[in-house]
Protein backbone atom coordinates (compact mmCIF):
# COMPACT_ATOMS: atom_id res chain seq x y z
CA MET A 1 -47.34 27.05 49.38
CA SER A 2 -51.01 26.32 48.57
CA VAL A 3 -52.57 23.23 50.15
CA ASP A 4 -55.28 21.81 47.87
CA PRO A 5 -58.58 21.73 50.72
CA LYS A 6 -59.94 18.39 48.98
CA GLU A 7 -56.61 16.86 49.96
CA VAL A 8 -56.94 18.56 53.57
CA GLN A 9 -60.21 17.09 53.78
CA GLU A 10 -59.50 13.70 52.61
CA ALA A 11 -56.55 13.47 55.19
CA ARG A 12 -59.06 14.57 57.95
CA VAL A 13 -61.47 11.75 56.81
CA VAL A 14 -58.48 9.25 57.27
CA ALA A 15 -57.48 10.46 60.26
CA GLN A 16 -60.91 10.58 62.10
CA GLU A 17 -61.03 6.98 60.88
CA VAL A 18 -57.72 6.11 62.47
CA LEU A 19 -59.46 7.58 66.10
CA GLY A 20 -62.51 5.70 65.70
CA LEU A 21 -60.52 2.37 65.05
CA LEU A 22 -58.35 3.37 67.74
CA THR A 23 -61.28 3.75 70.12
CA GLU A 24 -62.44 0.17 69.58
CA VAL A 25 -58.90 -1.40 70.01
CA GLU A 26 -58.91 0.41 73.33
CA ARG A 27 -62.25 -0.90 74.63
CA GLN A 28 -60.94 -4.41 73.40
CA LEU A 29 -57.78 -4.27 75.37
CA LYS A 30 -59.82 -2.82 78.50
CA SER A 31 -61.73 -5.80 78.26
CA ALA A 32 -58.74 -7.96 77.81
CA ARG A 33 -57.19 -6.35 80.88
CA ASN A 34 -60.41 -6.67 82.92
CA TRP A 35 -60.47 -10.60 82.08
CA GLY A 36 -56.90 -10.64 82.64
CA PHE A 37 -57.37 -9.30 86.34
CA TYR A 38 -60.43 -12.02 87.02
CA ASP A 39 -58.11 -14.62 85.29
CA MET A 40 -55.31 -13.88 87.71
CA VAL A 41 -57.55 -13.65 90.79
CA ARG A 42 -59.99 -16.62 90.01
CA GLY A 43 -57.94 -18.20 87.09
CA GLY A 44 -59.18 -21.01 84.80
CA LEU A 45 -59.06 -21.87 81.10
CA LEU A 46 -62.33 -19.85 79.92
CA ALA A 47 -60.96 -16.79 81.73
CA SER A 48 -57.65 -17.10 79.62
CA LEU A 49 -59.78 -17.95 76.66
CA ILE A 50 -61.90 -15.02 76.64
CA LYS A 51 -59.01 -12.57 77.79
CA HIS A 52 -57.05 -13.70 74.35
CA SER A 53 -60.38 -13.58 71.90
CA LYS A 54 -60.49 -9.96 73.19
CA ILE A 55 -56.77 -9.31 72.50
CA ASP A 56 -57.30 -11.29 69.13
CA LYS A 57 -59.77 -8.40 68.41
CA ALA A 58 -57.71 -5.78 69.37
CA GLU A 59 -54.94 -7.04 67.15
CA ALA A 60 -57.03 -7.59 64.09
CA LEU A 61 -58.09 -3.89 64.56
CA PHE A 62 -54.69 -2.78 65.00
CA GLN A 63 -53.75 -4.30 61.76
CA ARG A 64 -56.79 -1.98 60.15
CA VAL A 65 -55.23 1.03 62.05
CA GLN A 66 -51.89 0.23 60.57
CA ILE A 67 -53.16 0.36 56.88
CA LYS A 68 -55.21 3.37 57.44
CA LEU A 69 -51.94 5.23 59.17
CA GLU A 70 -49.96 4.20 55.92
CA GLN A 71 -53.20 5.86 54.03
CA LEU A 72 -52.88 8.87 56.28
CA GLN A 73 -49.42 9.32 55.64
CA LYS A 74 -49.99 9.13 51.71
CA GLU A 75 -52.39 11.86 52.28
CA LEU A 76 -50.15 13.86 54.00
CA SER A 77 -46.95 13.64 51.46
CA ASP A 78 -45.90 17.02 53.32
CA VAL A 79 -46.24 15.74 56.68
CA SER A 80 -43.89 13.05 58.34
CA ILE A 81 -45.67 11.49 61.40
CA GLY A 82 -43.38 8.51 62.01
CA LEU A 83 -46.06 6.18 63.51
CA GLY A 84 -44.96 2.92 64.07
CA PRO A 85 -47.13 -0.92 64.71
CA GLY A 86 -46.68 -1.51 68.28
CA ALA A 87 -49.38 -3.80 70.03
CA GLN A 88 -48.97 -7.32 69.53
CA ILE A 89 -48.71 -10.70 71.68
CA SER A 90 -46.64 -13.52 70.60
CA GLY A 91 -47.59 -16.82 70.29
CA PHE A 92 -45.45 -18.16 72.52
CA GLU A 93 -46.67 -15.68 75.34
CA ARG A 94 -50.28 -17.12 74.18
CA PHE A 95 -49.17 -20.53 74.66
CA MET A 96 -47.42 -19.82 78.03
CA ASP A 97 -50.39 -18.40 79.73
CA ILE A 98 -52.86 -20.86 78.47
CA ALA A 99 -50.90 -23.97 79.20
CA PHE A 100 -49.44 -22.89 82.44
CA ASP A 101 -51.86 -20.92 83.73
CA ASN A 102 -50.48 -19.19 86.71
CA ILE A 103 -49.86 -15.56 88.06
CA ILE A 104 -46.49 -15.07 86.19
CA SER A 105 -47.62 -15.84 82.94
CA ASP A 106 -51.11 -13.74 83.93
CA TRP A 107 -48.77 -10.82 84.89
CA MET A 108 -46.83 -10.93 81.56
CA VAL A 109 -50.11 -10.94 79.38
CA GLN A 110 -51.13 -8.24 81.70
CA SER A 111 -47.91 -5.98 81.11
CA LYS A 112 -48.21 -6.50 77.15
CA ILE A 113 -52.04 -5.36 77.38
CA HIS A 114 -50.80 -2.10 79.29
CA SER A 115 -47.86 -1.60 76.95
CA SER A 116 -50.41 -1.85 74.19
CA LEU A 117 -53.03 0.63 75.47
CA THR A 118 -49.98 2.97 76.40
CA GLU A 119 -49.15 2.75 72.55
CA VAL A 120 -52.81 3.37 71.45
CA ALA A 121 -52.60 6.16 73.66
CA ARG A 122 -49.34 7.79 71.66
CA ILE A 123 -51.05 7.31 68.27
CA ARG A 124 -53.90 8.71 69.35
CA SER A 125 -52.15 11.87 70.43
CA GLU A 126 -50.02 11.66 67.21
CA VAL A 127 -53.14 11.56 64.97
CA SER A 128 -55.02 14.19 66.87
CA ALA A 129 -51.86 16.59 66.57
CA VAL A 130 -52.22 16.13 62.98
CA LEU A 131 -55.66 16.99 62.99
CA GLN A 132 -55.04 20.01 64.54
CA THR A 133 -52.31 20.57 62.08
CA LEU A 134 -54.72 20.22 59.16
CA ASP A 135 -57.46 22.55 61.17
CA ARG A 136 -54.94 25.14 60.54
CA LEU A 137 -54.42 24.92 56.85
């Protein structure tokens, strides 16, 4: 089977863009996690609002990641990587965290942030594996 080098390069570019976006998602989530720790210890509306601002930025970036992953899948029509969305925090949990700012709701949000970071790592690993495959073509 002959592989078009142009198609390989296009896929590499998109994969690199995905990895760059994932780095920024991870940065926002780690910042949200840090604010979450502060929120659990010191509490307060301001800490919750900042934490959720970071989560909102991470969610917006993750939407861009999803679009780029779809583009990558099109570029890799002969490679199935099957990545799914993953990292979202529902509006109900956000309302609960701000309106009933307590250790239980804070812990639930921290758990979601941790899950999102795990999902980012999983996707990063899969995209990195795709890049390694492209390097061998």
